[in-house]
PDB file of all heavy atoms in Angstrom:
ATOM      1  N   PRO A   1      -6.575  55.856 102.718  1.00  0.00           N
ATOM      2  CA  PRO A   1      -6.273  55.942 101.279  1.00  0.00           C
ATOM      3  C   PRO A   1      -4.879  56.524 101.037  1.00  0.00           C
ATOM      4  O   PRO A   1      -4.196  56.134 100.096  1.00  0.00           O
ATOM      5  CB  PRO A   1      -7.363  56.858 100.733  1.00  0.00           C
ATOM      6  CG  PRO A   1      -8.444  56.851 101.755  1.00  0.00           C
ATOM      7  CD  PRO A   1      -7.802  56.537 103.061  1.00  0.00           C
ATOM      8  N   GLN A   2      -4.446  57.458 101.904  1.00  0.00           N
ATOM      9  CA  GLN A   2      -3.117  58.033 101.745  1.00  0.00           C
ATOM     10  C   GLN A   2      -2.052  56.971 101.921  1.00  0.00           C
ATOM     11  O   GLN A   2      -1.111  56.887 101.134  1.00  0.00           O
ATOM     12  CB  GLN A   2      -2.887  59.151 102.759  1.00  0.00           C
ATOM     13  CG  GLN A   2      -3.642  60.416 102.463  1.00  0.00           C
ATOM     14  CD  GLN A   2      -3.409  61.456 103.531  1.00  0.00           C
ATOM     15  OE1 GLN A   2      -3.090  61.133 104.669  1.00  0.00           O
ATOM     16  NE2 GLN A   2      -3.572  62.709 103.162  1.00  0.00           N
ATOM     17  N   LEU A   3      -2.177  56.150 102.946  1.00  0.00           N
ATOM     18  CA  LEU A   3      -1.201  55.104 103.201  1.00  0.00           C
ATOM     19  C   LEU A   3      -1.180  54.093 102.058  1.00  0.00           C
ATOM     20  O   LEU A   3      -0.105  53.652 101.633  1.00  0.00           O
ATOM     21  CB  LEU A   3      -1.488  54.410 104.532  1.00  0.00           C
ATOM     22  CG  LEU A   3      -0.469  53.369 104.973  1.00  0.00           C
ATOM     23  CD1 LEU A   3       0.923  53.984 105.092  1.00  0.00           C
ATOM     24  CD2 LEU A   3      -0.889  52.751 106.286  1.00  0.00           C
ATOM     25  N   LYS A   4      -2.342  53.752 101.543  1.00  0.00           N
ATOM     26  CA  LYS A   4      -2.431  52.841 100.397  1.00  0.00           C
ATOM     27  C   LYS A   4      -1.667  53.425  99.205  1.00  0.00           C
ATOM     28  O   LYS A   4      -0.903  52.715  98.546  1.00  0.00           O
ATOM     29  CB  LYS A   4      -3.892  52.607 100.031  1.00  0.00           C
ATOM     30  CG  LYS A   4      -4.096  51.715  98.828  1.00  0.00           C
ATOM     31  CD  LYS A   4      -5.572  51.602  98.496  1.00  0.00           C
ATOM     32  CE  LYS A   4      -5.741  50.912  97.167  1.00  0.00           C
ATOM     33  NZ  LYS A   4      -7.128  50.952  96.703  1.00  0.00           N
ATOM     34  N   ASN A   5      -1.843  54.710  98.939  1.00  0.00           N
ATOM     35  CA  ASN A   5      -1.145  55.358  97.827  1.00  0.00           C
ATOM     36  C   ASN A   5       0.359  55.420  98.057  1.00  0.00           C
ATOM     37  O   ASN A   5       1.137  55.287  97.121  1.00  0.00           O
ATOM     38  CB  ASN A   5      -1.699  56.759  97.591  1.00  0.00           C
ATOM     39  CG  ASN A   5      -3.105  56.728  97.033  1.00  0.00           C
ATOM     40  OD1 ASN A   5      -3.524  55.746  96.428  1.00  0.00           O
ATOM     41  ND2 ASN A   5      -3.851  57.799  97.245  1.00  0.00           N
ATOM     42  N   VAL A   6       0.769  55.605  99.296  1.00  0.00           N
ATOM     43  CA  VAL A   6       2.197  55.632  99.627  1.00  0.00           C
ATOM     44  C   VAL A   6       2.815  54.257  99.373  1.00  0.00           C
ATOM     45  O   VAL A   6       3.898  54.151  98.800  1.00  0.00           O
ATOM     46  CB  VAL A   6       2.418  56.094 101.095  1.00  0.00           C
ATOM     47  CG1 VAL A   6       3.834  55.828 101.562  1.00  0.00           C
ATOM     48  CG2 VAL A   6       2.069  57.569 101.232  1.00  0.00           C
ATOM     49  N   ILE A   7       2.116  53.194  99.764  1.00  0.00           N
ATOM     50  CA  ILE A   7       2.609  51.834  99.537  1.00  0.00           C
ATOM     51  C   ILE A   7       2.686  51.548  98.027  1.00  0.00           C
ATOM     52  O   ILE A   7       3.676  50.984  97.538  1.00  0.00           O
ATOM     53  CB  ILE A   7       1.699  50.788 100.233  1.00  0.00           C
ATOM     54  CG1 ILE A   7       1.644  51.045 101.728  1.00  0.00           C
ATOM     55  CG2 ILE A   7       2.151  49.369  99.907  1.00  0.00           C
ATOM     56  CD1 ILE A   7       2.839  50.645 102.525  1.00  0.00           C
ATOM     57  N   ILE A   8       1.670  51.954  97.283  1.00  0.00           N
ATOM     58  CA  ILE A   8       1.690  51.768  95.824  1.00  0.00           C
ATOM     59  C   ILE A   8       2.865  52.536  95.221  1.00  0.00           C
ATOM     60  O   ILE A   8       3.570  52.016  94.343  1.00  0.00           O
ATOM     61  CB  ILE A   8       0.345  52.200  95.198  1.00  0.00           C
ATOM     62  CG1 ILE A   8      -0.750  51.211  95.601  1.00  0.00           C
ATOM     63  CG2 ILE A   8       0.457  52.316  93.684  1.00  0.00           C
ATOM     64  CD1 ILE A   8      -2.158  51.665  95.249  1.00  0.00           C
ATOM     65  N   ALA A   9       3.080  53.756  95.690  1.00  0.00           N
ATOM     66  CA  ALA A   9       4.220  54.547  95.197  1.00  0.00           C
ATOM     67  C   ALA A   9       5.539  53.850  95.524  1.00  0.00           C
ATOM     68  O   ALA A   9       6.467  53.849  94.707  1.00  0.00           O
ATOM     69  CB  ALA A   9       4.203  55.951  95.806  1.00  0.00           C
ATOM     70  N   GLY A  10       5.624  53.232  96.685  1.00  0.00           N
ATOM     71  CA  GLY A  10       6.829  52.484  97.051  1.00  0.00           C
ATOM     72  C   GLY A  10       7.071  51.292  96.136  1.00  0.00           C
ATOM     73  O   GLY A  10       8.206  51.045  95.722  1.00  0.00           O
ATOM     74  N   PHE A  11       6.006  50.563  95.811  1.00  0.00           N
ATOM     75  CA  PHE A  11       6.147  49.442  94.878  1.00  0.00           C
ATOM     76  C   PHE A  11       6.561  49.920  93.491  1.00  0.00           C
ATOM     77  O   PHE A  11       7.423  49.320  92.850  1.00  0.00           O
ATOM     78  CB  PHE A  11       4.845  48.632  94.799  1.00  0.00           C
ATOM     79  CG  PHE A  11       4.745  47.553  95.842  1.00  0.00           C
ATOM     80  CD1 PHE A  11       4.061  47.776  97.018  1.00  0.00           C
ATOM     81  CD2 PHE A  11       5.358  46.331  95.643  1.00  0.00           C
ATOM     82  CE1 PHE A  11       3.978  46.792  97.993  1.00  0.00           C
ATOM     83  CE2 PHE A  11       5.286  45.325  96.607  1.00  0.00           C
ATOM     84  CZ  PHE A  11       4.591  45.563  97.787  1.00  0.00           C
ATOM     85  N   ALA A  12       5.944  51.006  93.042  1.00  0.00           N
ATOM     86  CA  ALA A  12       6.309  51.558  91.732  1.00  0.00           C
ATOM     87  C   ALA A  12       7.767  52.007  91.734  1.00  0.00           C
ATOM     88  O   ALA A  12       8.507  51.781  90.764  1.00  0.00           O
ATOM     89  CB  ALA A  12       5.397  52.729  91.379  1.00  0.00           C
ATOM     90  N   PHE A  13       8.199  52.610  92.825  1.00  0.00           N
ATOM     91  CA  PHE A  13       9.586  53.041  92.961  1.00  0.00           C
ATOM     92  C   PHE A  13      10.526  51.841  92.915  1.00  0.00           C
ATOM     93  O   PHE A  13      11.541  51.855  92.218  1.00  0.00           O
ATOM     94  CB  PHE A  13       9.764  53.829  94.264  1.00  0.00           C
ATOM     95  CG  PHE A  13      11.179  54.192  94.581  1.00  0.00           C
ATOM     96  CD1 PHE A  13      11.918  54.995  93.731  1.00  0.00           C
ATOM     97  CD2 PHE A  13      11.779  53.736  95.751  1.00  0.00           C
ATOM     98  CE1 PHE A  13      13.228  55.338  94.032  1.00  0.00           C
ATOM     99  CE2 PHE A  13      13.076  54.080  96.055  1.00  0.00           C
ATOM    100  CZ  PHE A  13      13.807  54.881  95.191  1.00  0.00           C
ATOM    101  N   GLY A  14      10.199  50.786  93.635  1.00  0.00           N
ATOM    102  CA  GLY A  14      11.033  49.583  93.645  1.00  0.00           C
ATOM    103  C   GLY A  14      11.133  48.940  92.275  1.00  0.00           C
ATOM    104  O   GLY A  14      12.215  48.545  91.833  1.00  0.00           O
ATOM    105  N   LEU A  15      10.004  48.840  91.582  1.00  0.00           N
ATOM    106  CA  LEU A  15      10.021  48.263  90.236  1.00  0.00           C
ATOM    107  C   LEU A  15      10.815  49.139  89.268  1.00  0.00           C
ATOM    108  O   LEU A  15      11.562  48.625  88.421  1.00  0.00           O
ATOM    109  CB  LEU A  15       8.586  48.081  89.725  1.00  0.00           C
ATOM    110  CG  LEU A  15       7.765  47.013  90.455  1.00  0.00           C
ATOM    111  CD1 LEU A  15       6.313  47.046  89.999  1.00  0.00           C
ATOM    112  CD2 LEU A  15       8.370  45.632  90.270  1.00  0.00           C
ATOM    113  N   ALA A  16      10.678  50.447  89.409  1.00  0.00           N
ATOM    114  CA  ALA A  16      11.440  51.357  88.550  1.00  0.00           C
ATOM    115  C   ALA A  16      12.941  51.223  88.824  1.00  0.00           C
ATOM    116  O   ALA A  16      13.752  51.187  87.890  1.00  0.00           O
ATOM    117  CB  ALA A  16      10.991  52.794  88.777  1.00  0.00           C
ATOM    118  N   MET A  17      13.323  51.126  90.093  1.00  0.00           N
ATOM    119  CA  MET A  17      14.737  50.980  90.449  1.00  0.00           C
ATOM    120  C   MET A  17      15.293  49.660  89.913  1.00  0.00           C
ATOM    121  O   MET A  17      16.438  49.605  89.470  1.00  0.00           O
ATOM    122  CB  MET A  17      14.922  51.035  91.970  1.00  0.00           C
ATOM    123  CG  MET A  17      14.639  52.386  92.576  1.00  0.00           C
ATOM    124  SD  MET A  17      15.975  53.547  92.375  1.00  0.00           S
ATOM    125  CE  MET A  17      17.148  52.891  93.522  1.00  0.00           C
ATOM    126  N   ALA A  18      14.491  48.605  89.963  1.00  0.00           N
ATOM    127  CA  ALA A  18      14.937  47.308  89.463  1.00  0.00           C
ATOM    128  C   ALA A  18      15.070  47.314  87.942  1.00  0.00           C
ATOM    129  O   ALA A  18      15.837  46.538  87.379  1.00  0.00           O
ATOM    130  CB  ALA A  18      13.968  46.211  89.900  1.00  0.00           C
ATOM    131  N   THR A  19      14.344  48.206  87.286  1.00  0.00           N
ATOM    132  CA  THR A  19      14.336  48.270  85.833  1.00  0.00           C
ATOM    133  C   THR A  19      15.429  49.161  85.272  1.00  0.00           C
ATOM    134  O   THR A  19      16.085  48.809  84.297  1.00  0.00           O
ATOM    135  CB  THR A  19      12.966  48.789  85.344  1.00  0.00           C
ATOM    136  OG1 THR A  19      11.954  47.967  85.898  1.00  0.00           O
ATOM    137  CG2 THR A  19      12.876  48.770  83.847  1.00  0.00           C
ATOM    138  N   LYS A  20      15.635  50.331  85.884  1.00  0.00           N
ATOM    139  CA  LYS A  20      16.554  51.313  85.318  1.00  0.00           C
ATOM    140  C   LYS A  20      17.223  52.103  86.436  1.00  0.00           C
ATOM    141  O   LYS A  20      16.562  52.568  87.359  1.00  0.00           O
ATOM    142  CB  LYS A  20      15.769  52.258  84.397  1.00  0.00           C
ATOM    143  CG  LYS A  20      16.614  53.109  83.523  1.00  0.00           C
ATOM    144  CD  LYS A  20      16.069  53.076  82.105  1.00  0.00           C
ATOM    145  CE  LYS A  20      16.831  53.997  81.197  1.00  0.00           C
ATOM    146  NZ  LYS A  20      18.083  53.469  80.752  1.00  0.00           N
ATOM    147  N   HIS A  21      18.542  52.267  86.330  1.00  0.00           N
ATOM    148  CA  HIS A  21      19.286  52.978  87.361  1.00  0.00           C
ATOM    149  C   HIS A  21      18.871  54.442  87.500  1.00  0.00           C
ATOM    150  O   HIS A  21      18.967  55.018  88.587  1.00  0.00           O
ATOM    151  CB  HIS A  21      20.798  52.908  87.088  1.00  0.00           C
ATOM    152  CG  HIS A  21      21.364  51.556  87.346  1.00  0.00           C
ATOM    153  ND1 HIS A  21      21.639  50.672  86.333  1.00  0.00           N
ATOM    154  CD2 HIS A  21      21.704  50.929  88.491  1.00  0.00           C
ATOM    155  CE1 HIS A  21      22.122  49.563  86.849  1.00  0.00           C
ATOM    156  NE2 HIS A  21      22.171  49.687  88.166  1.00  0.00           N
ATOM    157  N   THR A  22      18.413  55.052  86.429  1.00  0.00           N
ATOM    158  CA  THR A  22      18.026  56.459  86.499  1.00  0.00           C
ATOM    159  C   THR A  22      16.783  56.684  87.348  1.00  0.00           C
ATOM    160  O   THR A  22      16.398  57.828  87.591  1.00  0.00           O
ATOM    161  CB  THR A  22      17.799  57.048  85.093  1.00  0.00           C
ATOM    162  OG1 THR A  22      16.862  56.231  84.393  1.00  0.00           O
ATOM    163  CG2 THR A  22      19.096  57.145  84.324  1.00  0.00           C
ATOM    164  N   ALA A  23      16.172  55.628  87.842  1.00  0.00           N
ATOM    165  CA  ALA A  23      15.021  55.775  88.733  1.00  0.00           C
ATOM    166  C   ALA A  23      15.415  56.441  90.049  1.00  0.00           C
ATOM    167  O   ALA A  23      14.540  56.874  90.790  1.00  0.00           O
ATOM    168  CB  ALA A  23      14.371  54.419  88.993  1.00  0.00           C
ATOM    169  N   VAL A  24      16.711  56.575  90.330  1.00  0.00           N
ATOM    170  CA  VAL A  24      17.126  57.299  91.536  1.00  0.00           C
ATOM    171  C   VAL A  24      16.630  58.742  91.488  1.00  0.00           C
ATOM    172  O   VAL A  24      16.482  59.383  92.522  1.00  0.00           O
ATOM    173  CB  VAL A  24      18.652  57.263  91.775  1.00  0.00           C
ATOM    174  CG1 VAL A  24      19.142  55.858  92.025  1.00  0.00           C
ATOM    175  CG2 VAL A  24      19.406  57.910  90.643  1.00  0.00           C
ATOM    176  N   TYR A  25      16.356  59.241  90.284  1.00  0.00           N
ATOM    177  CA  TYR A  25      15.796  60.596  90.158  1.00  0.00           C
ATOM    178  C   TYR A  25      14.412  60.688  90.788  1.00  0.00           C
ATOM    179  O   TYR A  25      13.920  61.787  91.049  1.00  0.00           O
ATOM    180  CB  TYR A  25      15.703  61.013  88.688  1.00  0.00           C
ATOM    181  CG  TYR A  25      17.031  61.280  88.037  1.00  0.00           C
ATOM    182  CD1 TYR A  25      17.427  60.575  86.916  1.00  0.00           C
ATOM    183  CD2 TYR A  25      17.893  62.244  88.535  1.00  0.00           C
ATOM    184  CE1 TYR A  25      18.643  60.815  86.305  1.00  0.00           C
ATOM    185  CE2 TYR A  25      19.111  62.498  87.939  1.00  0.00           C
ATOM    186  CZ  TYR A  25      19.483  61.777  86.820  1.00  0.00           C
ATOM    187  OH  TYR A  25      20.681  62.019  86.228  1.00  0.00           O
ATOM    188  N   LEU A  26      13.776  59.564  91.017  1.00  0.00           N
ATOM    189  CA  LEU A  26      12.456  59.577  91.643  1.00  0.00           C
ATOM    190  C   LEU A  26      12.513  60.028  93.101  1.00  0.00           C
ATOM    191  O   LEU A  26      11.521  60.553  93.611  1.00  0.00           O
ATOM    192  CB  LEU A  26      11.810  58.196  91.556  1.00  0.00           C
ATOM    193  CG  LEU A  26      11.378  57.747  90.173  1.00  0.00           C
ATOM    194  CD1 LEU A  26      10.883  56.309  90.208  1.00  0.00           C
ATOM    195  CD2 LEU A  26      10.320  58.669  89.612  1.00  0.00           C
ATOM    196  N   ILE A  27      13.645  59.850  93.764  1.00  0.00           N
ATOM    197  CA  ILE A  27      13.733  60.227  95.179  1.00  0.00           C
ATOM    198  C   ILE A  27      13.483  61.723  95.357  1.00  0.00           C
ATOM    199  O   ILE A  27      12.596  62.118  96.124  1.00  0.00           O
ATOM    200  CB  ILE A  27      15.060  59.760  95.809  1.00  0.00           C
ATOM    201  CG1 ILE A  27      15.108  58.229  95.809  1.00  0.00           C
ATOM    202  CG2 ILE A  27      15.211  60.308  97.230  1.00  0.00           C
ATOM    203  CD1 ILE A  27      16.451  57.639  96.207  1.00  0.00           C
ATOM    204  N   PRO A  28      14.229  62.611  94.666  1.00  0.00           N
ATOM    205  CA  PRO A  28      13.912  64.035  94.839  1.00  0.00           C
ATOM    206  C   PRO A  28      12.525  64.398  94.304  1.00  0.00           C
ATOM    207  O   PRO A  28      11.871  65.300  94.848  1.00  0.00           O
ATOM    208  CB  PRO A  28      15.009  64.762  94.057  1.00  0.00           C
ATOM    209  CG  PRO A  28      15.649  63.755  93.202  1.00  0.00           C
ATOM    210  CD  PRO A  28      15.411  62.421  93.830  1.00  0.00           C
ATOM    211  N   ILE A  29      12.059  63.686  93.289  1.00  0.00           N
ATOM    212  CA  ILE A  29      10.713  63.955  92.771  1.00  0.00           C
ATOM    213  C   ILE A  29       9.670  63.628  93.834  1.00  0.00           C
ATOM    214  O   ILE A  29       8.738  64.398  94.063  1.00  0.00           O
ATOM    215  CB  ILE A  29      10.464  63.166  91.464  1.00  0.00           C
ATOM    216  CG1 ILE A  29      11.304  63.761  90.335  1.00  0.00           C
ATOM    217  CG2 ILE A  29       8.981  63.155  91.104  1.00  0.00           C
ATOM    218  CD1 ILE A  29      11.309  62.948  89.056  1.00  0.00           C
ATOM    219  N   TYR A  30       9.819  62.485  94.522  1.00  0.00           N
ATOM    220  CA  TYR A  30       8.893  62.135  95.601  1.00  0.00           C
ATOM    221  C   TYR A  30       8.943  63.173  96.718  1.00  0.00           C
ATOM    222  O   TYR A  30       7.910  63.543  97.280  1.00  0.00           O
ATOM    223  CB  TYR A  30       9.218  60.751  96.183  1.00  0.00           C
ATOM    224  CG  TYR A  30       8.675  59.600  95.388  1.00  0.00           C
ATOM    225  CD1 TYR A  30       9.417  58.441  95.216  1.00  0.00           C
ATOM    226  CD2 TYR A  30       7.415  59.633  94.820  1.00  0.00           C
ATOM    227  CE1 TYR A  30       8.922  57.362  94.505  1.00  0.00           C
ATOM    228  CE2 TYR A  30       6.911  58.555  94.101  1.00  0.00           C
ATOM    229  CZ  TYR A  30       7.666  57.431  93.949  1.00  0.00           C
ATOM    230  OH  TYR A  30       7.178  56.368  93.248  1.00  0.00           O
ATOM    231  N   ILE A  31      10.137  63.627  97.065  1.00  0.00           N
ATOM    232  CA  ILE A  31      10.260  64.633  98.124  1.00  0.00           C
ATOM    233  C   ILE A  31       9.487  65.891  97.758  1.00  0.00           C
ATOM    234  O   ILE A  31       8.715  66.431  98.555  1.00  0.00           O
ATOM    235  CB  ILE A  31      11.751  64.954  98.396  1.00  0.00           C
ATOM    236  CG1 ILE A  31      12.443  63.757  99.036  1.00  0.00           C
ATOM    237  CG2 ILE A  31      11.894  66.190  99.288  1.00  0.00           C
ATOM    238  CD1 ILE A  31      13.949  63.870  99.114  1.00  0.00           C
ATOM    239  N   ILE A  32       9.655  66.354  96.538  1.00  0.00           N
ATOM    240  CA  ILE A  32       8.979  67.575  96.094  1.00  0.00           C
ATOM    241  C   ILE A  32       7.463  67.374  96.034  1.00  0.00           C
ATOM    242  O   ILE A  32       6.694  68.212  96.513  1.00  0.00           O
ATOM    243  CB  ILE A  32       9.551  68.031  94.739  1.00  0.00           C
ATOM    244  CG1 ILE A  32      10.983  68.530  94.938  1.00  0.00           C
ATOM    245  CG2 ILE A  32       8.674  69.111  94.109  1.00  0.00           C
ATOM    246  CD1 ILE A  32      11.769  68.725  93.658  1.00  0.00           C
ATOM    247  N   LEU A  33       7.013  66.253  95.471  1.00  0.00           N
ATOM    248  CA  LEU A  33       5.574  66.013  95.362  1.00  0.00           C
ATOM    249  C   LEU A  33       4.909  65.853  96.730  1.00  0.00           C
ATOM    250  O   LEU A  33       3.823  66.395  96.964  1.00  0.00           O
ATOM    251  CB  LEU A  33       5.299  64.778  94.502  1.00  0.00           C
ATOM    252  CG  LEU A  33       5.597  64.921  93.014  1.00  0.00           C
ATOM    253  CD1 LEU A  33       5.330  63.619  92.293  1.00  0.00           C
ATOM    254  CD2 LEU A  33       4.812  66.053  92.396  1.00  0.00           C
ATOM    255  N   LEU A  34       5.556  65.143  97.636  1.00  0.00           N
ATOM    256  CA  LEU A  34       4.987  65.009  98.979  1.00  0.00           C
ATOM    257  C   LEU A  34       4.939  66.361  99.680  1.00  0.00           C
ATOM    258  O   LEU A  34       3.966  66.681 100.371  1.00  0.00           O
ATOM    259  CB  LEU A  34       5.805  64.016  99.812  1.00  0.00           C
ATOM    260  CG  LEU A  34       5.445  62.555  99.632  1.00  0.00           C
ATOM    261  CD1 LEU A  34       6.480  61.664 100.318  1.00  0.00           C
ATOM    262  CD2 LEU A  34       4.064  62.252 100.158  1.00  0.00           C
ATOM    263  N   GLY A  35       5.986  67.157  99.504  1.00  0.00           N
ATOM    264  CA  GLY A  35       6.002  68.494 100.097  1.00  0.00           C
ATOM    265  C   GLY A  35       4.879  69.363  99.561  1.00  0.00           C
ATOM    266  O   GLY A  35       4.185  70.044 100.321  1.00  0.00           O
ATOM    267  N   ILE A  36       4.673  69.336  98.254  1.00  0.00           N
ATOM    268  CA  ILE A  36       3.589  70.122  97.635  1.00  0.00           C
ATOM    269  C   ILE A  36       2.235  69.644  98.138  1.00  0.00           C
ATOM    270  O   ILE A  36       1.370  70.450  98.492  1.00  0.00           O
ATOM    271  CB  ILE A  36       3.661  70.039  96.095  1.00  0.00           C
ATOM    272  CG1 ILE A  36       4.874  70.809  95.578  1.00  0.00           C
ATOM    273  CG2 ILE A  36       2.382  70.578  95.465  1.00  0.00           C
ATOM    274  CD1 ILE A  36       5.156  70.584  94.108  1.00  0.00           C
ATOM    275  N   TYR A  37       2.059  68.335  98.194  1.00  0.00           N
ATOM    276  CA  TYR A  37       0.778  67.787  98.650  1.00  0.00           C
ATOM    277  C   TYR A  37       0.481  68.206 100.080  1.00  0.00           C
ATOM    278  O   TYR A  37      -0.603  68.682 100.386  1.00  0.00           O
ATOM    279  CB  TYR A  37       0.778  66.262  98.540  1.00  0.00           C
ATOM    280  CG  TYR A  37      -0.433  65.636  99.170  1.00  0.00           C
ATOM    281  CD1 TYR A  37      -1.669  65.669  98.525  1.00  0.00           C
ATOM    282  CD2 TYR A  37      -0.359  65.043 100.425  1.00  0.00           C
ATOM    283  CE1 TYR A  37      -2.794  65.118  99.107  1.00  0.00           C
ATOM    284  CE2 TYR A  37      -1.476  64.491 101.016  1.00  0.00           C
ATOM    285  CZ  TYR A  37      -2.693  64.534 100.359  1.00  0.00           C
ATOM    286  OH  TYR A  37      -3.806  63.999 100.939  1.00  0.00           O
TER     287      TYR A  37
END
């Protein structure tokens, strides 16, 4: 289930990047959330 969620997060990240340049802010957010988890 963790790997499935990581892949879904990757797709969401890709779609966000394709939609808006400010999605680069997701990179540090992912780092922090993965670290907390």
